[in-house]
Amino acid sequence: MTLRAFTEETWSAEVLSGAVPVLVDIWAPWCVPCRKIAPMVEGLAEEFGPRLVVGTLNGDDAPRIMATYEVLSLPTLLLFCDGEAVERVVGVPKIDKLRAVIAPHVEN
């Protein structure tokens, strides 16, 4: 699976209307920790395959979404199920923590 690049224009259709859970990595080009977490996020896209949509959102280009979800630090990962943000991880966690946050929300 490849990462999707979400934007404010595609947000509703690709994130809020998703048939499966959606993991959004909110990042910015200047954010060093964001670059550190990127390979983990890509790995999760591969690991969970069609059971989870994984994508990125450049926070600098999406001020409305940043405000709506009160994103104050980068990177922030939001997990959406049925159009609702159900999980939030801020910073650079261990991969096992990310798996533990995602697993209860995806079908086996």
N, C-alpha and C. Protein backbone atom coordinates (compact mmCIF):
# COMPACT_ATOMS: atom_id res chain seq x y z
N MET A 1 0.85 -1.18 0.00
CA MET A 1 0.00 0.00 0.00
C MET A 1 0.89 1.24 0.00
N THR A 2 0.45 2.23 -0.71
CA THR A 2 1.20 3.48 -0.73
C THR A 2 0.48 4.51 0.13
N LEU A 3 1.24 5.47 0.59
CA LEU A 3 0.66 6.55 1.39
C LEU A 3 -0.13 7.49 0.51
N ARG A 4 -1.23 7.94 1.01
CA ARG A 4 -2.00 8.97 0.32
C ARG A 4 -1.56 10.33 0.84
N ALA A 5 -1.71 11.34 0.03
CA ALA A 5 -1.42 12.71 0.44
C ALA A 5 -2.75 13.44 0.55
N PHE A 6 -3.23 13.61 1.79
CA PHE A 6 -4.50 14.29 2.01
C PHE A 6 -4.31 15.81 1.95
N THR A 7 -5.36 16.50 1.56
CA THR A 7 -5.38 17.96 1.54
C THR A 7 -6.71 18.42 2.13
N GLU A 8 -6.84 19.72 2.38
CA GLU A 8 -8.12 20.23 2.86
C GLU A 8 -9.23 19.94 1.84
N GLU A 9 -8.88 19.95 0.56
CA GLU A 9 -9.87 19.70 -0.49
C GLU A 9 -10.33 18.25 -0.53
N THR A 10 -9.45 17.31 -0.20
CA THR A 10 -9.81 15.89 -0.28
C THR A 10 -10.19 15.30 1.08
N TRP A 11 -10.07 16.10 2.14
CA TRP A 11 -10.25 15.61 3.51
C TRP A 11 -11.58 14.88 3.72
N SER A 12 -12.67 15.52 3.36
CA SER A 12 -13.99 14.93 3.61
C SER A 12 -14.17 13.60 2.88
N ALA A 13 -13.81 13.58 1.61
CA ALA A 13 -14.01 12.37 0.81
C ALA A 13 -13.06 11.25 1.20
N GLU A 14 -11.81 11.56 1.50
CA GLU A 14 -10.82 10.52 1.73
C GLU A 14 -10.64 10.12 3.19
N VAL A 15 -10.92 11.03 4.10
CA VAL A 15 -10.70 10.73 5.52
C VAL A 15 -12.03 10.52 6.25
N LEU A 16 -12.93 11.46 6.13
CA LEU A 16 -14.16 11.39 6.90
C LEU A 16 -15.18 10.41 6.34
N SER A 17 -15.07 10.07 5.09
CA SER A 17 -16.03 9.15 4.46
C SER A 17 -15.42 7.78 4.18
N GLY A 18 -14.31 7.49 4.82
CA GLY A 18 -13.61 6.23 4.55
C GLY A 18 -14.39 5.01 5.00
N ALA A 19 -14.34 3.94 4.22
CA ALA A 19 -15.01 2.68 4.56
C ALA A 19 -14.22 1.88 5.59
N VAL A 20 -12.93 2.16 5.69
CA VAL A 20 -12.08 1.51 6.68
C VAL A 20 -11.42 2.60 7.51
N PRO A 21 -10.83 2.25 8.65
CA PRO A 21 -10.14 3.27 9.44
C PRO A 21 -9.06 3.99 8.63
N VAL A 22 -8.82 5.26 8.98
CA VAL A 22 -7.85 6.08 8.27
C VAL A 22 -6.86 6.65 9.29
N LEU A 23 -5.57 6.41 9.06
CA LEU A 23 -4.51 6.97 9.89
C LEU A 23 -3.91 8.16 9.15
N VAL A 24 -3.92 9.32 9.79
CA VAL A 24 -3.40 10.54 9.18
C VAL A 24 -2.16 11.00 9.95
N ASP A 25 -1.06 11.12 9.24
CA ASP A 25 0.19 11.66 9.79
C ASP A 25 0.24 13.13 9.43
N ILE A 26 0.04 14.00 10.44
CA ILE A 26 0.09 15.44 10.20
C ILE A 26 1.53 15.89 10.45
N TRP A 27 2.13 16.49 9.44
CA TRP A 27 3.56 16.79 9.45
C TRP A 27 3.79 18.15 8.81
N ALA A 28 5.05 18.55 8.74
CA ALA A 28 5.47 19.75 8.00
C ALA A 28 6.89 19.52 7.50
N PRO A 29 7.24 20.13 6.37
CA PRO A 29 8.57 19.91 5.79
C PRO A 29 9.72 20.31 6.71
N TRP A 30 9.51 21.29 7.58
CA TRP A 30 10.57 21.79 8.45
C TRP A 30 10.71 20.97 9.73
N CYS A 31 9.81 20.01 9.96
CA CYS A 31 9.73 19.26 11.22
C CYS A 31 10.66 18.05 11.20
N VAL A 32 11.74 18.10 11.97
CA VAL A 32 12.70 16.99 12.01
C VAL A 32 12.07 15.72 12.57
N PRO A 33 11.32 15.75 13.69
CA PRO A 33 10.69 14.52 14.17
C PRO A 33 9.71 13.92 13.16
N CYS A 34 9.11 14.77 12.33
CA CYS A 34 8.20 14.26 11.30
C CYS A 34 8.93 13.37 10.32
N ARG A 35 10.16 13.74 9.98
CA ARG A 35 10.95 12.91 9.07
C ARG A 35 11.34 11.60 9.74
N LYS A 36 11.54 11.64 11.05
CA LYS A 36 11.91 10.42 11.79
C LYS A 36 10.75 9.42 11.82
N ILE A 37 9.52 9.90 11.94
CA ILE A 37 8.38 9.00 12.04
C ILE A 37 7.91 8.50 10.66
N ALA A 38 8.27 9.18 9.60
CA ALA A 38 7.79 8.84 8.26
C ALA A 38 8.00 7.38 7.88
N PRO A 39 9.18 6.78 8.10
CA PRO A 39 9.34 5.37 7.74
C PRO A 39 8.43 4.45 8.54
N MET A 40 8.13 4.79 9.79
CA MET A 40 7.21 3.98 10.60
C MET A 40 5.81 4.03 10.01
N VAL A 41 5.39 5.21 9.60
CA VAL A 41 4.06 5.38 9.03
C VAL A 41 3.96 4.59 7.72
N GLU A 42 4.99 4.66 6.90
CA GLU A 42 5.00 3.89 5.65
C GLU A 42 4.92 2.40 5.94
N GLY A 43 5.64 1.95 6.96
CA GLY A 43 5.61 0.55 7.34
C GLY A 43 4.23 0.10 7.80
N LEU A 44 3.52 0.97 8.51
CA LEU A 44 2.17 0.64 8.95
C LEU A 44 1.23 0.49 7.76
N ALA A 45 1.42 1.30 6.74
CA ALA A 45 0.60 1.19 5.53
C ALA A 45 0.78 -0.19 4.91
N GLU A 46 2.02 -0.67 4.87
CA GLU A 46 2.30 -2.00 4.33
C GLU A 46 1.74 -3.09 5.23
N GLU A 47 1.98 -2.94 6.53
CA GLU A 47 1.60 -3.97 7.50
C GLU A 47 0.08 -4.19 7.56
N PHE A 48 -0.68 -3.11 7.58
CA PHE A 48 -2.13 -3.25 7.73
C PHE A 48 -2.86 -3.34 6.40
N GLY A 49 -2.14 -3.09 5.31
CA GLY A 49 -2.70 -3.29 3.97
C GLY A 49 -4.07 -2.68 3.77
N PRO A 50 -4.99 -3.44 3.16
CA PRO A 50 -6.31 -2.88 2.83
C PRO A 50 -7.22 -2.65 4.03
N ARG A 51 -6.80 -3.06 5.22
CA ARG A 51 -7.63 -2.88 6.41
C ARG A 51 -7.52 -1.46 6.99
N LEU A 52 -6.55 -0.68 6.48
CA LEU A 52 -6.28 0.65 7.01
C LEU A 52 -5.78 1.54 5.89
N VAL A 53 -6.38 2.71 5.73
CA VAL A 53 -5.87 3.71 4.80
C VAL A 53 -4.89 4.58 5.58
N VAL A 54 -3.72 4.80 5.02
CA VAL A 54 -2.70 5.60 5.69
C VAL A 54 -2.29 6.73 4.75
N GLY A 55 -2.22 7.93 5.32
CA GLY A 55 -1.82 9.07 4.51
C GLY A 55 -1.23 10.18 5.35
N THR A 56 -0.76 11.19 4.64
CA THR A 56 -0.13 12.33 5.29
C THR A 56 -0.92 13.60 4.99
N LEU A 57 -0.76 14.57 5.87
CA LEU A 57 -1.36 15.88 5.68
C LEU A 57 -0.32 16.91 6.08
N ASN A 58 0.06 17.77 5.14
CA ASN A 58 0.99 18.85 5.44
C ASN A 58 0.23 19.91 6.24
N GLY A 59 0.54 19.99 7.54
CA GLY A 59 -0.17 20.91 8.42
C GLY A 59 -0.04 22.37 8.00
N ASP A 60 1.08 22.74 7.39
CA ASP A 60 1.26 24.12 6.94
C ASP A 60 0.24 24.50 5.87
N ASP A 61 -0.21 23.50 5.11
CA ASP A 61 -1.16 23.74 4.02
C ASP A 61 -2.61 23.51 4.43
N ALA A 62 -2.83 23.18 5.70
CA ALA A 62 -4.18 22.81 6.14
C ALA A 62 -4.54 23.47 7.48
N PRO A 63 -4.54 24.79 7.54
CA PRO A 63 -4.81 25.46 8.81
C PRO A 63 -6.21 25.17 9.36
N ARG A 64 -7.18 24.98 8.50
CA ARG A 64 -8.55 24.71 8.95
C ARG A 64 -8.60 23.37 9.69
N ILE A 65 -7.95 22.37 9.13
CA ILE A 65 -7.95 21.04 9.76
C ILE A 65 -7.13 21.07 11.06
N MET A 66 -6.02 21.78 11.04
CA MET A 66 -5.20 21.91 12.25
C MET A 66 -6.03 22.50 13.38
N ALA A 67 -6.83 23.52 13.07
CA ALA A 67 -7.66 24.17 14.09
C ALA A 67 -8.81 23.27 14.53
N THR A 68 -9.46 22.63 13.58
CA THR A 68 -10.60 21.78 13.89
C THR A 68 -10.23 20.67 14.87
N TYR A 69 -9.07 20.06 14.66
CA TYR A 69 -8.65 18.93 15.50
C TYR A 69 -7.64 19.34 16.58
N GLU A 70 -7.49 20.66 16.77
CA GLU A 70 -6.63 21.21 17.81
C GLU A 70 -5.23 20.59 17.81
N VAL A 71 -4.64 20.53 16.62
CA VAL A 71 -3.28 20.01 16.47
C VAL A 71 -2.31 21.15 16.79
N LEU A 72 -1.56 20.98 17.87
CA LEU A 72 -0.65 22.02 18.34
C LEU A 72 0.81 21.62 18.20
N SER A 73 1.08 20.32 18.03
CA SER A 73 2.46 19.83 17.92
C SER A 73 2.55 18.87 16.75
N LEU A 74 3.73 18.85 16.14
CA LEU A 74 3.99 17.93 15.03
C LEU A 74 5.15 17.03 15.40
N PRO A 75 5.11 15.79 14.96
CA PRO A 75 4.02 15.15 14.23
C PRO A 75 2.87 14.78 15.17
N THR A 76 1.67 14.79 14.60
CA THR A 76 0.49 14.28 15.28
C THR A 76 -0.14 13.25 14.36
N LEU A 77 -0.43 12.09 14.91
CA LEU A 77 -1.13 11.05 14.18
C LEU A 77 -2.55 10.97 14.69
N LEU A 78 -3.51 11.03 13.78
CA LEU A 78 -4.92 10.89 14.14
C LEU A 78 -5.48 9.66 13.44
N LEU A 79 -6.22 8.85 14.20
CA LEU A 79 -6.88 7.68 13.63
C LEU A 79 -8.37 7.96 13.58
N PHE A 80 -8.93 7.84 12.38
CA PHE A 80 -10.35 8.10 12.16
C PHE A 80 -11.09 6.80 11.89
N CYS A 81 -12.23 6.65 12.53
CA CYS A 81 -13.15 5.54 12.27
C CYS A 81 -14.53 6.14 12.08
N ASP A 82 -15.16 5.79 10.99
CA ASP A 82 -16.50 6.30 10.69
C ASP A 82 -16.57 7.83 10.77
N GLY A 83 -15.52 8.49 10.29
CA GLY A 83 -15.50 9.95 10.22
C GLY A 83 -15.16 10.66 11.52
N GLU A 84 -14.87 9.91 12.57
CA GLU A 84 -14.55 10.51 13.87
C GLU A 84 -13.11 10.21 14.25
N ALA A 85 -12.43 11.21 14.81
CA ALA A 85 -11.08 10.99 15.33
C ALA A 85 -11.20 10.22 16.63
N VAL A 86 -10.70 8.98 16.66
CA VAL A 86 -10.85 8.12 17.83
C VAL A 86 -9.55 7.93 18.60
N GLU A 87 -8.42 8.23 17.98
CA GLU A 87 -7.13 8.09 18.64
C GLU A 87 -6.22 9.23 18.20
N ARG A 88 -5.31 9.62 19.10
CA ARG A 88 -4.33 10.69 18.81
C ARG A 88 -3.01 10.28 19.43
N VAL A 89 -1.94 10.37 18.64
CA VAL A 89 -0.58 10.13 19.13
C VAL A 89 0.25 11.33 18.71
N VAL A 90 0.91 11.96 19.68
CA VAL A 90 1.71 13.15 19.41
C VAL A 90 3.18 12.81 19.64
N GLY A 91 4.03 13.26 18.73
CA GLY A 91 5.46 13.00 18.88
C GLY A 91 5.88 11.76 18.13
N VAL A 92 7.00 11.18 18.56
CA VAL A 92 7.57 10.02 17.88
C VAL A 92 7.55 8.84 18.85
N PRO A 93 6.47 8.05 18.80
CA PRO A 93 6.37 6.90 19.70
C PRO A 93 7.14 5.70 19.15
N LYS A 94 7.23 4.67 19.94
CA LYS A 94 7.77 3.39 19.47
C LYS A 94 6.73 2.77 18.54
N ILE A 95 7.19 1.96 17.60
CA ILE A 95 6.29 1.34 16.63
C ILE A 95 5.26 0.45 17.32
N ASP A 96 5.65 -0.20 18.42
CA ASP A 96 4.70 -1.06 19.13
C ASP A 96 3.52 -0.28 19.68
N LYS A 97 3.76 0.96 20.11
CA LYS A 97 2.66 1.80 20.60
C LYS A 97 1.70 2.12 19.46
N LEU A 98 2.24 2.43 18.29
CA LEU A 98 1.37 2.72 17.15
C LEU A 98 0.53 1.51 16.78
N ARG A 99 1.15 0.34 16.75
CA ARG A 99 0.39 -0.88 16.45
C ARG A 99 -0.72 -1.10 17.47
N ALA A 100 -0.42 -0.87 18.76
CA ALA A 100 -1.40 -1.07 19.82
C ALA A 100 -2.56 -0.09 19.72
N VAL A 101 -2.31 1.11 19.22
CA VAL A 101 -3.36 2.10 19.04
C VAL A 101 -4.25 1.73 17.85
N ILE A 102 -3.66 1.21 16.80
CA ILE A 102 -4.39 0.90 15.56
C ILE A 102 -5.15 -0.42 15.64
N ALA A 103 -4.51 -1.45 16.17
CA ALA A 103 -5.03 -2.81 16.11
C ALA A 103 -6.49 -2.98 16.56
N PRO A 104 -6.92 -2.37 17.65
CA PRO A 104 -8.31 -2.58 18.05
C PRO A 104 -9.35 -2.03 17.07
N HIS A 105 -8.93 -1.19 16.16
CA HIS A 105 -9.85 -0.52 15.24
C HIS A 105 -9.89 -1.14 13.85
N VAL A 106 -9.02 -2.10 13.58
CA VAL A 106 -9.00 -2.72 12.25
C VAL A 106 -9.46 -4.18 12.35
N GLU A 107 -10.09 -4.64 11.29
CA GLU A 107 -10.53 -6.03 11.27
C GLU A 107 -9.35 -6.95 10.97
N ASN A 108 -9.38 -8.10 11.59
CA ASN A 108 -8.29 -9.07 11.36
C ASN A 108 -8.48 -9.85 10.12
